[in-house]
Amino acid sequence: MQTLMVWLVFLIAAALEVGGDALVRHGLRTRGLWFITGGVLVLGCYGLLVNLVRWDFSRLLGVYVAVFAVLSILAGRVVFRETIPVSTWAGLALIVMGALTIQFGRT
């Protein structure tokens, strides 16, 4: 799979994972079984999509986790209007650096 396509898959998969989790979370807080069911289905789609990338499993999820982390924190900030502490931004930077090491640090 070409590099641009891999990153597109990662972005869509992360959006599905964040959205699915948000649906489950909402359903648990409001006792909305339909939200939970929808969230489970969306999370299943994320799992199928992310595994279309034919990389070693450790590399695949190691790099994907950073994409997911970035999208999660941005969703918290923009969609849910949360205040993100500096320590979270610093942790995110470490996660992204780790993913870059996994992606480009091959010997």
PDB file of N, CA and C in Angstrom:
ATOM      1  N   MET A   1       0.845  -1.172   0.000  1.00  0.00           N
ATOM      2  CA  MET A   1       0.000   0.000   0.000  1.00  0.00           C
ATOM      3  C   MET A   1       0.895   1.242   0.000  1.00  0.00           C
ATOM      4  N   GLN A   2       0.589   2.194  -0.829  1.00  0.00           N
ATOM      5  CA  GLN A   2       1.419   3.387  -0.934  1.00  0.00           C
ATOM      6  C   GLN A   2       1.313   4.235   0.322  1.00  0.00           C
ATOM      7  N   THR A   3       2.355   5.013   0.574  1.00  0.00           N
ATOM      8  CA  THR A   3       2.462   5.780   1.802  1.00  0.00           C
ATOM      9  C   THR A   3       1.276   6.712   2.029  1.00  0.00           C
ATOM     10  N   LEU A   4       0.867   7.466   1.027  1.00  0.00           N
ATOM     11  CA  LEU A   4      -0.257   8.383   1.189  1.00  0.00           C
ATOM     12  C   LEU A   4      -1.529   7.630   1.551  1.00  0.00           C
ATOM     13  N   MET A   5      -1.736   6.492   0.920  1.00  0.00           N
ATOM     14  CA  MET A   5      -2.923   5.685   1.195  1.00  0.00           C
ATOM     15  C   MET A   5      -2.887   5.144   2.629  1.00  0.00           C
ATOM     16  N   VAL A   6      -1.718   4.747   3.101  1.00  0.00           N
ATOM     17  CA  VAL A   6      -1.586   4.255   4.480  1.00  0.00           C
ATOM     18  C   VAL A   6      -1.998   5.341   5.464  1.00  0.00           C
ATOM     19  N   TRP A   7      -1.504   6.562   5.258  1.00  0.00           N
ATOM     20  CA  TRP A   7      -1.837   7.651   6.179  1.00  0.00           C
ATOM     21  C   TRP A   7      -3.320   7.999   6.104  1.00  0.00           C
ATOM     22  N   LEU A   8      -3.916   7.895   4.924  1.00  0.00           N
ATOM     23  CA  LEU A   8      -5.345   8.120   4.789  1.00  0.00           C
ATOM     24  C   LEU A   8      -6.137   7.054   5.552  1.00  0.00           C
ATOM     25  N   VAL A   9      -5.710   5.802   5.416  1.00  0.00           N
ATOM     26  CA  VAL A   9      -6.349   4.709   6.163  1.00  0.00           C
ATOM     27  C   VAL A   9      -6.224   4.969   7.662  1.00  0.00           C
ATOM     28  N   PHE A  10      -5.041   5.378   8.121  1.00  0.00           N
ATOM     29  CA  PHE A  10      -4.841   5.659   9.541  1.00  0.00           C
ATOM     30  C   PHE A  10      -5.765   6.782  10.020  1.00  0.00           C
ATOM     31  N   LEU A  11      -5.898   7.845   9.233  1.00  0.00           N
ATOM     32  CA  LEU A  11      -6.759   8.962   9.633  1.00  0.00           C
ATOM     33  C   LEU A  11      -8.229   8.547   9.710  1.00  0.00           C
ATOM     34  N   ILE A  12      -8.688   7.801   8.717  1.00  0.00           N
ATOM     35  CA  ILE A  12     -10.085   7.349   8.719  1.00  0.00           C
ATOM     36  C   ILE A  12     -10.315   6.362   9.858  1.00  0.00           C
ATOM     37  N   ALA A  13      -9.368   5.444  10.055  1.00  0.00           N
ATOM     38  CA  ALA A  13      -9.494   4.471  11.142  1.00  0.00           C
ATOM     39  C   ALA A  13      -9.523   5.175  12.494  1.00  0.00           C
ATOM     40  N   ALA A  14      -8.667   6.174  12.676  1.00  0.00           N
ATOM     41  CA  ALA A  14      -8.646   6.910  13.947  1.00  0.00           C
ATOM     42  C   ALA A  14      -9.964   7.657  14.155  1.00  0.00           C
ATOM     43  N   ALA A  15     -10.505   8.236  13.092  1.00  0.00           N
ATOM     44  CA  ALA A  15     -11.799   8.924  13.204  1.00  0.00           C
ATOM     45  C   ALA A  15     -12.897   7.934  13.590  1.00  0.00           C
ATOM     46  N   LEU A  16     -12.863   6.748  13.015  1.00  0.00           N
ATOM     47  CA  LEU A  16     -13.834   5.715  13.383  1.00  0.00           C
ATOM     48  C   LEU A  16     -13.659   5.290  14.837  1.00  0.00           C
ATOM     49  N   GLU A  17     -12.419   5.137  15.265  1.00  0.00           N
ATOM     50  CA  GLU A  17     -12.174   4.697  16.641  1.00  0.00           C
ATOM     51  C   GLU A  17     -12.615   5.773  17.643  1.00  0.00           C
ATOM     52  N   VAL A  18     -12.258   7.009  17.382  1.00  0.00           N
ATOM     53  CA  VAL A  18     -12.663   8.102  18.267  1.00  0.00           C
ATOM     54  C   VAL A  18     -14.184   8.232  18.270  1.00  0.00           C
ATOM     55  N   GLY A  19     -14.797   8.197  17.095  1.00  0.00           N
ATOM     56  CA  GLY A  19     -16.250   8.318  17.009  1.00  0.00           C
ATOM     57  C   GLY A  19     -16.967   7.155  17.667  1.00  0.00           C
ATOM     58  N   GLY A  20     -16.474   5.942  17.436  1.00  0.00           N
ATOM     59  CA  GLY A  20     -17.088   4.760  18.048  1.00  0.00           C
ATOM     60  C   GLY A  20     -17.014   4.806  19.558  1.00  0.00           C
ATOM     61  N   ASP A  21     -15.860   5.214  20.064  1.00  0.00           N
ATOM     62  CA  ASP A  21     -15.711   5.317  21.508  1.00  0.00           C
ATOM     63  C   ASP A  21     -16.618   6.411  22.073  1.00  0.00           C
ATOM     64  N   ALA A  22     -16.743   7.512  21.360  1.00  0.00           N
ATOM     65  CA  ALA A  22     -17.632   8.592  21.813  1.00  0.00           C
ATOM     66  C   ALA A  22     -19.085   8.109  21.876  1.00  0.00           C
ATOM     67  N   LEU A  23     -19.489   7.308  20.903  1.00  0.00           N
ATOM     68  CA  LEU A  23     -20.853   6.760  20.911  1.00  0.00           C
ATOM     69  C   LEU A  23     -21.067   5.823  22.098  1.00  0.00           C
ATOM     70  N   VAL A  24     -20.106   4.933  22.340  1.00  0.00           N
ATOM     71  CA  VAL A  24     -20.212   4.016  23.480  1.00  0.00           C
ATOM     72  C   VAL A  24     -20.259   4.807  24.783  1.00  0.00           C
ATOM     73  N   ARG A  25     -19.388   5.779  24.911  1.00  0.00           N
ATOM     74  CA  ARG A  25     -19.329   6.602  26.124  1.00  0.00           C
ATOM     75  C   ARG A  25     -20.668   7.308  26.363  1.00  0.00           C
ATOM     76  N   HIS A  26     -21.198   7.897  25.302  1.00  0.00           N
ATOM     77  CA  HIS A  26     -22.501   8.573  25.420  1.00  0.00           C
ATOM     78  C   HIS A  26     -23.593   7.577  25.814  1.00  0.00           C
ATOM     79  N   GLY A  27     -23.576   6.413  25.178  1.00  0.00           N
ATOM     80  CA  GLY A  27     -24.582   5.398  25.487  1.00  0.00           C
ATOM     81  C   GLY A  27     -24.508   4.914  26.924  1.00  0.00           C
ATOM     82  N   LEU A  28     -23.307   4.764  27.446  1.00  0.00           N
ATOM     83  CA  LEU A  28     -23.158   4.330  28.838  1.00  0.00           C
ATOM     84  C   LEU A  28     -23.638   5.400  29.813  1.00  0.00           C
ATOM     85  N   ARG A  29     -23.424   6.648  29.463  1.00  0.00           N
ATOM     86  CA  ARG A  29     -23.820   7.736  30.365  1.00  0.00           C
ATOM     87  C   ARG A  29     -25.313   8.032  30.315  1.00  0.00           C
ATOM     88  N   THR A  30     -25.948   7.708  29.192  1.00  0.00           N
ATOM     89  CA  THR A  30     -27.381   7.995  29.054  1.00  0.00           C
ATOM     90  C   THR A  30     -28.227   6.728  29.026  1.00  0.00           C
ATOM     91  N   ARG A  31     -27.584   5.591  29.203  1.00  0.00           N
ATOM     92  CA  ARG A  31     -28.258   4.289  29.101  1.00  0.00           C
ATOM     93  C   ARG A  31     -28.908   4.094  27.749  1.00  0.00           C
ATOM     94  N   GLY A  32     -28.217   4.591  26.725  1.00  0.00           N
ATOM     95  CA  GLY A  32     -28.718   4.492  25.360  1.00  0.00           C
ATOM     96  C   GLY A  32     -28.123   3.288  24.645  1.00  0.00           C
ATOM     97  N   LEU A  33     -28.864   2.199  24.649  1.00  0.00           N
ATOM     98  CA  LEU A  33     -28.393   0.954  24.040  1.00  0.00           C
ATOM     99  C   LEU A  33     -28.086   1.123  22.561  1.00  0.00           C
ATOM    100  N   TRP A  34     -28.830   1.981  21.861  1.00  0.00           N
ATOM    101  CA  TRP A  34     -28.592   2.178  20.428  1.00  0.00           C
ATOM    102  C   TRP A  34     -27.251   2.867  20.191  1.00  0.00           C
ATOM    103  N   PHE A  35     -26.887   3.798  21.063  1.00  0.00           N
ATOM    104  CA  PHE A  35     -25.589   4.447  20.935  1.00  0.00           C
ATOM    105  C   PHE A  35     -24.461   3.447  21.175  1.00  0.00           C
ATOM    106  N   ILE A  36     -24.630   2.600  22.164  1.00  0.00           N
ATOM    107  CA  ILE A  36     -23.614   1.577  22.453  1.00  0.00           C
ATOM    108  C   ILE A  36     -23.484   0.621  21.280  1.00  0.00           C
ATOM    109  N   THR A  37     -24.606   0.166  20.761  1.00  0.00           N
ATOM    110  CA  THR A  37     -24.594  -0.756  19.621  1.00  0.00           C
ATOM    111  C   THR A  37     -23.934  -0.099  18.403  1.00  0.00           C
ATOM    112  N   GLY A  38     -24.308   1.139  18.124  1.00  0.00           N
ATOM    113  CA  GLY A  38     -23.688   1.864  17.009  1.00  0.00           C
ATOM    114  C   GLY A  38     -22.190   2.031  17.217  1.00  0.00           C
ATOM    115  N   GLY A  39     -21.793   2.351  18.441  1.00  0.00           N
ATOM    116  CA  GLY A  39     -20.375   2.503  18.745  1.00  0.00           C
ATOM    117  C   GLY A  39     -19.597   1.217  18.537  1.00  0.00           C
ATOM    118  N   VAL A  40     -20.184   0.106  18.947  1.00  0.00           N
ATOM    119  CA  VAL A  40     -19.528  -1.198  18.758  1.00  0.00           C
ATOM    120  C   VAL A  40     -19.350  -1.492  17.268  1.00  0.00           C
ATOM    121  N   LEU A  41     -20.357  -1.197  16.482  1.00  0.00           N
ATOM    122  CA  LEU A  41     -20.261  -1.415  15.028  1.00  0.00           C
ATOM    123  C   LEU A  41     -19.184  -0.520  14.403  1.00  0.00           C
ATOM    124  N   VAL A  42     -19.141   0.736  14.822  1.00  0.00           N
ATOM    125  CA  VAL A  42     -18.135   1.660  14.293  1.00  0.00           C
ATOM    126  C   VAL A  42     -16.733   1.212  14.700  1.00  0.00           C
ATOM    127  N   LEU A  43     -16.588   0.755  15.950  1.00  0.00           N
ATOM    128  CA  LEU A  43     -15.280   0.259  16.401  1.00  0.00           C
ATOM    129  C   LEU A  43     -14.860  -0.988  15.615  1.00  0.00           C
ATOM    130  N   GLY A  44     -15.826  -1.831  15.271  1.00  0.00           N
ATOM    131  CA  GLY A  44     -15.513  -2.992  14.432  1.00  0.00           C
ATOM    132  C   GLY A  44     -15.008  -2.572  13.064  1.00  0.00           C
ATOM    133  N   CYS A  45     -15.605  -1.525  12.507  1.00  0.00           N
ATOM    134  CA  CYS A  45     -15.152  -1.006  11.210  1.00  0.00           C
ATOM    135  C   CYS A  45     -13.735  -0.466  11.298  1.00  0.00           C
ATOM    136  N   TYR A  46     -13.429   0.219  12.405  1.00  0.00           N
ATOM    137  CA  TYR A  46     -12.055   0.696  12.610  1.00  0.00           C
ATOM    138  C   TYR A  46     -11.081  -0.482  12.573  1.00  0.00           C
ATOM    139  N   GLY A  47     -11.414  -1.544  13.301  1.00  0.00           N
ATOM    140  CA  GLY A  47     -10.520  -2.705  13.376  1.00  0.00           C
ATOM    141  C   GLY A  47     -10.286  -3.354  12.023  1.00  0.00           C
ATOM    142  N   LEU A  48     -11.316  -3.436  11.229  1.00  0.00           N
ATOM    143  CA  LEU A  48     -11.172  -3.994   9.886  1.00  0.00           C
ATOM    144  C   LEU A  48     -10.317  -3.084   9.007  1.00  0.00           C
ATOM    145  N   LEU A  49     -10.591  -1.789   9.060  1.00  0.00           N
ATOM    146  CA  LEU A  49      -9.892  -0.846   8.196  1.00  0.00           C
ATOM    147  C   LEU A  49      -8.405  -0.757   8.518  1.00  0.00           C
ATOM    148  N   VAL A  50      -8.067  -0.589   9.783  1.00  0.00           N
ATOM    149  CA  VAL A  50      -6.656  -0.391  10.142  1.00  0.00           C
ATOM    150  C   VAL A  50      -5.820  -1.618   9.770  1.00  0.00           C
ATOM    151  N   ASN A  51      -6.434  -2.778   9.784  1.00  0.00           N
ATOM    152  CA  ASN A  51      -5.681  -3.995   9.461  1.00  0.00           C
ATOM    153  C   ASN A  51      -5.566  -4.272   7.974  1.00  0.00           C
ATOM    154  N   LEU A  52      -6.076  -3.366   7.141  1.00  0.00           N
ATOM    155  CA  LEU A  52      -5.840  -3.473   5.697  1.00  0.00           C
ATOM    156  C   LEU A  52      -4.395  -3.103   5.344  1.00  0.00           C
ATOM    157  N   VAL A  53      -3.764  -2.344   6.234  1.00  0.00           N
ATOM    158  CA  VAL A  53      -2.365  -1.971   6.025  1.00  0.00           C
ATOM    159  C   VAL A  53      -1.516  -3.210   6.302  1.00  0.00           C
ATOM    160  N   ARG A  54      -0.729  -3.596   5.340  1.00  0.00           N
ATOM    161  CA  ARG A  54       0.040  -4.839   5.449  1.00  0.00           C
ATOM    162  C   ARG A  54       1.443  -4.568   5.972  1.00  0.00           C
ATOM    163  N   TRP A  55       1.521  -4.118   7.198  1.00  0.00           N
ATOM    164  CA  TRP A  55       2.784  -3.925   7.895  1.00  0.00           C
ATOM    165  C   TRP A  55       2.876  -4.961   9.001  1.00  0.00           C
ATOM    166  N   ASP A  56       4.059  -5.131   9.561  1.00  0.00           N
ATOM    167  CA  ASP A  56       4.189  -5.956  10.760  1.00  0.00           C
ATOM    168  C   ASP A  56       3.259  -5.383  11.817  1.00  0.00           C
ATOM    169  N   PHE A  57       2.649  -6.249  12.602  1.00  0.00           N
ATOM    170  CA  PHE A  57       1.648  -5.818  13.581  1.00  0.00           C
ATOM    171  C   PHE A  57       2.202  -4.770  14.545  1.00  0.00           C
ATOM    172  N   SER A  58       3.411  -4.983  15.048  1.00  0.00           N
ATOM    173  CA  SER A  58       3.990  -4.047  16.018  1.00  0.00           C
ATOM    174  C   SER A  58       4.222  -2.674  15.392  1.00  0.00           C
ATOM    175  N   ARG A  59       4.690  -2.643  14.165  1.00  0.00           N
ATOM    176  CA  ARG A  59       4.908  -1.369  13.477  1.00  0.00           C
ATOM    177  C   ARG A  59       3.562  -0.706  13.163  1.00  0.00           C
ATOM    178  N   LEU A  60       2.615  -1.500  12.685  1.00  0.00           N
ATOM    179  CA  LEU A  60       1.298  -0.988  12.334  1.00  0.00           C
ATOM    180  C   LEU A  60       0.662  -0.256  13.513  1.00  0.00           C
ATOM    181  N   LEU A  61       0.534  -0.951  14.631  1.00  0.00           N
ATOM    182  CA  LEU A  61      -0.143  -0.329  15.766  1.00  0.00           C
ATOM    183  C   LEU A  61       0.741   0.690  16.470  1.00  0.00           C
ATOM    184  N   GLY A  62       2.043   0.514  16.428  1.00  0.00           N
ATOM    185  CA  GLY A  62       2.945   1.499  17.023  1.00  0.00           C
ATOM    186  C   GLY A  62       2.815   2.857  16.366  1.00  0.00           C
ATOM    187  N   VAL A  63       2.721   2.879  15.057  1.00  0.00           N
ATOM    188  CA  VAL A  63       2.573   4.145  14.327  1.00  0.00           C
ATOM    189  C   VAL A  63       1.121   4.632  14.393  1.00  0.00           C
ATOM    190  N   TYR A  64       0.172   3.718  14.261  1.00  0.00           N
ATOM    191  CA  TYR A  64      -1.241   4.098  14.294  1.00  0.00           C
ATOM    192  C   TYR A  64      -1.624   4.751  15.621  1.00  0.00           C
ATOM    193  N   VAL A  65      -1.064   4.262  16.710  1.00  0.00           N
ATOM    194  CA  VAL A  65      -1.393   4.817  18.030  1.00  0.00           C
ATOM    195  C   VAL A  65      -1.148   6.322  18.070  1.00  0.00           C
ATOM    196  N   ALA A  66      -0.102   6.788  17.417  1.00  0.00           N
ATOM    197  CA  ALA A  66       0.178   8.229  17.409  1.00  0.00           C
ATOM    198  C   ALA A  66      -0.899   8.987  16.647  1.00  0.00           C
ATOM    199  N   VAL A  67      -1.334   8.441  15.522  1.00  0.00           N
ATOM    200  CA  VAL A  67      -2.403   9.095  14.754  1.00  0.00           C
ATOM    201  C   VAL A  67      -3.670   9.143  15.599  1.00  0.00           C
ATOM    202  N   PHE A  68      -3.980   8.041  16.245  1.00  0.00           N
ATOM    203  CA  PHE A  68      -5.154   7.975  17.118  1.00  0.00           C
ATOM    204  C   PHE A  68      -5.042   8.968  18.273  1.00  0.00           C
ATOM    205  N   ALA A  69      -3.865   9.056  18.883  1.00  0.00           N
ATOM    206  CA  ALA A  69      -3.664   9.958  20.017  1.00  0.00           C
ATOM    207  C   ALA A  69      -3.865  11.416  19.599  1.00  0.00           C
ATOM    208  N   VAL A  70      -3.305  11.787  18.467  1.00  0.00           N
ATOM    209  CA  VAL A  70      -3.463  13.164  17.979  1.00  0.00           C
ATOM    210  C   VAL A  70      -4.938  13.466  17.731  1.00  0.00           C
ATOM    211  N   LEU A  71      -5.616  12.574  17.029  1.00  0.00           N
ATOM    212  CA  LEU A  71      -7.037  12.800  16.727  1.00  0.00           C
ATOM    213  C   LEU A  71      -7.883  12.814  17.997  1.00  0.00           C
ATOM    214  N   SER A  72      -7.550  11.978  18.963  1.00  0.00           N
ATOM    215  CA  SER A  72      -8.298  11.932  20.219  1.00  0.00           C
ATOM    216  C   SER A  72      -8.193  13.237  20.976  1.00  0.00           C
ATOM    217  N   ILE A  73      -6.988  13.757  21.086  1.00  0.00           N
ATOM    218  CA  ILE A  73      -6.793  14.998  21.826  1.00  0.00           C
ATOM    219  C   ILE A  73      -7.426  16.173  21.084  1.00  0.00           C
ATOM    220  N   LEU A  74      -7.301  16.175  19.767  1.00  0.00           N
ATOM    221  CA  LEU A  74      -7.958  17.237  19.000  1.00  0.00           C
ATOM    222  C   LEU A  74      -9.478  17.158  19.118  1.00  0.00           C
ATOM    223  N   ALA A  75     -10.027  15.953  19.115  1.00  0.00           N
ATOM    224  CA  ALA A  75     -11.478  15.791  19.294  1.00  0.00           C
ATOM    225  C   ALA A  75     -11.894  16.269  20.676  1.00  0.00           C
ATOM    226  N   GLY A  76     -11.110  15.937  21.686  1.00  0.00           N
ATOM    227  CA  GLY A  76     -11.412  16.413  23.029  1.00  0.00           C
ATOM    228  C   GLY A  76     -11.438  17.927  23.089  1.00  0.00           C
ATOM    229  N   ARG A  77     -10.485  18.541  22.434  1.00  0.00           N
ATOM    230  CA  ARG A  77     -10.374  20.007  22.453  1.00  0.00           C
ATOM    231  C   ARG A  77     -11.457  20.678  21.610  1.00  0.00           C
ATOM    232  N   VAL A  78     -11.620  20.219  20.370  1.00  0.00           N
ATOM    233  CA  VAL A  78     -12.501  20.910  19.421  1.00  0.00           C
ATOM    234  C   VAL A  78     -13.962  20.474  19.567  1.00  0.00           C
ATOM    235  N   VAL A  79     -14.204  19.175  19.595  1.00  0.00           N
ATOM    236  CA  VAL A  79     -15.583  18.676  19.606  1.00  0.00           C
ATOM    237  C   VAL A  79     -16.195  18.769  21.001  1.00  0.00           C
ATOM    238  N   PHE A  80     -15.438  18.306  22.015  1.00  0.00           N
ATOM    239  CA  PHE A  80     -15.976  18.258  23.372  1.00  0.00           C
ATOM    240  C   PHE A  80     -15.604  19.478  24.201  1.00  0.00           C
ATOM    241  N   ARG A  81     -14.842  20.392  23.593  1.00  0.00           N
ATOM    242  CA  ARG A  81     -14.458  21.658  24.228  1.00  0.00           C
ATOM    243  C   ARG A  81     -13.766  21.476  25.582  1.00  0.00           C
ATOM    244  N   GLU A  82     -12.920  20.447  25.652  1.00  0.00           N
ATOM    245  CA  GLU A  82     -12.161  20.194  26.872  1.00  0.00           C
ATOM    246  C   GLU A  82     -10.918  21.081  26.901  1.00  0.00           C
ATOM    247  N   THR A  83     -10.480  21.403  28.088  1.00  0.00           N
ATOM    248  CA  THR A  83      -9.209  22.096  28.256  1.00  0.00           C
ATOM    249  C   THR A  83      -8.132  21.024  28.373  1.00  0.00           C
ATOM    250  N   ILE A  84      -7.159  21.072  27.493  1.00  0.00           N
ATOM    251  CA  ILE A  84      -6.102  20.055  27.465  1.00  0.00           C
ATOM    252  C   ILE A  84      -4.897  20.594  28.237  1.00  0.00           C
ATOM    253  N   PRO A  85      -4.485  19.905  29.306  1.00  0.00           N
ATOM    254  CA  PRO A  85      -3.344  20.399  30.076  1.00  0.00           C
ATOM    255  C   PRO A  85      -2.032  20.259  29.310  1.00  0.00           C
ATOM    256  N   VAL A  86      -1.084  21.081  29.692  1.00  0.00           N
ATOM    257  CA  VAL A  86       0.231  21.060  29.050  1.00  0.00           C
ATOM    258  C   VAL A  86       0.860  19.668  29.144  1.00  0.00           C
ATOM    259  N   SER A  87       0.657  18.984  30.258  1.00  0.00           N
ATOM    260  CA  SER A  87       1.238  17.642  30.426  1.00  0.00           C
ATOM    261  C   SER A  87       0.703  16.673  29.373  1.00  0.00           C
ATOM    262  N   THR A  88      -0.555  16.843  28.971  1.00  0.00           N
ATOM    263  CA  THR A  88      -1.121  15.984  27.928  1.00  0.00           C
ATOM    264  C   THR A  88      -0.477  16.285  26.583  1.00  0.00           C
ATOM    265  N   TRP A  89      -0.289  17.573  26.275  1.00  0.00           N
ATOM    266  CA  TRP A  89       0.382  17.943  25.028  1.00  0.00           C
ATOM    267  C   TRP A  89       1.810  17.403  25.016  1.00  0.00           C
ATOM    268  N   ALA A  90       2.493  17.460  26.170  1.00  0.00           N
ATOM    269  CA  ALA A  90       3.861  16.939  26.259  1.00  0.00           C
ATOM    270  C   ALA A  90       3.871  15.423  26.053  1.00  0.00           C
ATOM    271  N   GLY A  91       2.915  14.745  26.660  1.00  0.00           N
ATOM    272  CA  GLY A  91       2.808  13.297  26.462  1.00  0.00           C
ATOM    273  C   GLY A  91       2.521  12.946  25.016  1.00  0.00           C
ATOM    274  N   LEU A  92       1.672  13.735  24.377  1.00  0.00           N
ATOM    275  CA  LEU A  92       1.372  13.519  22.964  1.00  0.00           C
ATOM    276  C   LEU A  92       2.639  13.668  22.118  1.00  0.00           C
ATOM    277  N   ALA A  93       3.455  14.666  22.443  1.00  0.00           N
ATOM    278  CA  ALA A  93       4.711  14.860  21.706  1.00  0.00           C
ATOM    279  C   ALA A  93       5.606  13.631  21.847  1.00  0.00           C
ATOM    280  N   LEU A  94       5.643  13.043  23.029  1.00  0.00           N
ATOM    281  CA  LEU A  94       6.442  11.826  23.232  1.00  0.00           C
ATOM    282  C   LEU A  94       5.898  10.651  22.417  1.00  0.00           C
ATOM    283  N   ILE A  95       4.577  10.537  22.369  1.00  0.00           N
ATOM    284  CA  ILE A  95       3.956   9.467  21.581  1.00  0.00           C
ATOM    285  C   ILE A  95       4.295   9.633  20.102  1.00  0.00           C
ATOM    286  N   VAL A  96       4.187  10.855  19.598  1.00  0.00           N
ATOM    287  CA  VAL A  96       4.493  11.122  18.188  1.00  0.00           C
ATOM    288  C   VAL A  96       5.971  10.848  17.911  1.00  0.00           C
ATOM    289  N   MET A  97       6.852  11.244  18.813  1.00  0.00           N
ATOM    290  CA  MET A  97       8.282  10.952  18.621  1.00  0.00           C
ATOM    291  C   MET A  97       8.536   9.450  18.611  1.00  0.00           C
ATOM    292  N   GLY A  98       7.824   8.722  19.455  1.00  0.00           N
ATOM    293  CA  GLY A  98       7.952   7.267  19.457  1.00  0.00           C
ATOM    294  C   GLY A  98       7.499   6.659  18.146  1.00  0.00           C
ATOM    295  N   ALA A  99       6.390   7.156  17.612  1.00  0.00           N
ATOM    296  CA  ALA A  99       5.892   6.648  16.326  1.00  0.00           C
ATOM    297  C   ALA A  99       6.868   6.956  15.201  1.00  0.00           C
ATOM    298  N   LEU A 100       7.453   8.149  15.228  1.00  0.00           N
ATOM    299  CA  LEU A 100       8.446   8.496  14.203  1.00  0.00           C
ATOM    300  C   LEU A 100       9.668   7.586  14.305  1.00  0.00           C
ATOM    301  N   THR A 101      10.044   7.247  15.524  1.00  0.00           N
ATOM    302  CA  THR A 101      11.162   6.327  15.724  1.00  0.00           C
ATOM    303  C   THR A 101      10.827   4.949  15.167  1.00  0.00           C
ATOM    304  N   ILE A 102       9.608   4.493  15.431  1.00  0.00           N
ATOM    305  CA  ILE A 102       9.177   3.187  14.900  1.00  0.00           C
ATOM    306  C   ILE A 102       9.145   3.212  13.384  1.00  0.00           C
ATOM    307  N   GLN A 103       8.604   4.282  12.815  1.00  0.00           N
ATOM    308  CA  GLN A 103       8.429   4.383  11.372  1.00  0.00           C
ATOM    309  C   GLN A 103       9.762   4.526  10.629  1.00  0.00           C
ATOM    310  N   PHE A 104      10.632   5.386  11.121  1.00  0.00           N
ATOM    311  CA  PHE A 104      11.831   5.726  10.361  1.00  0.00           C
ATOM    312  C   PHE A 104      13.134   5.230  10.981  1.00  0.00           C
ATOM    313  N   GLY A 105      13.065   4.606  12.146  1.00  0.00           N
ATOM    314  CA  GLY A 105      14.272   4.187  12.848  1.00  0.00           C
ATOM    315  C   GLY A 105      14.761   2.792  12.514  1.00  0.00           C
ATOM    316  N   ARG A 106      14.318   2.264  11.425  1.00  0.00           N
ATOM    317  CA  ARG A 106      14.702   0.884  11.053  1.00  0.00           C
ATOM    318  C   ARG A 106      16.183   0.796  10.745  1.00  0.00           C
ATOM    319  N   THR A 107      16.782  -0.275  11.184  1.00  0.00           N
ATOM    320  CA  THR A 107      18.203  -0.501  10.877  1.00  0.00           C
ATOM    321  C   THR A 107      18.395  -1.758  10.087  1.00  0.00           C
TER     322      THR A 107
END
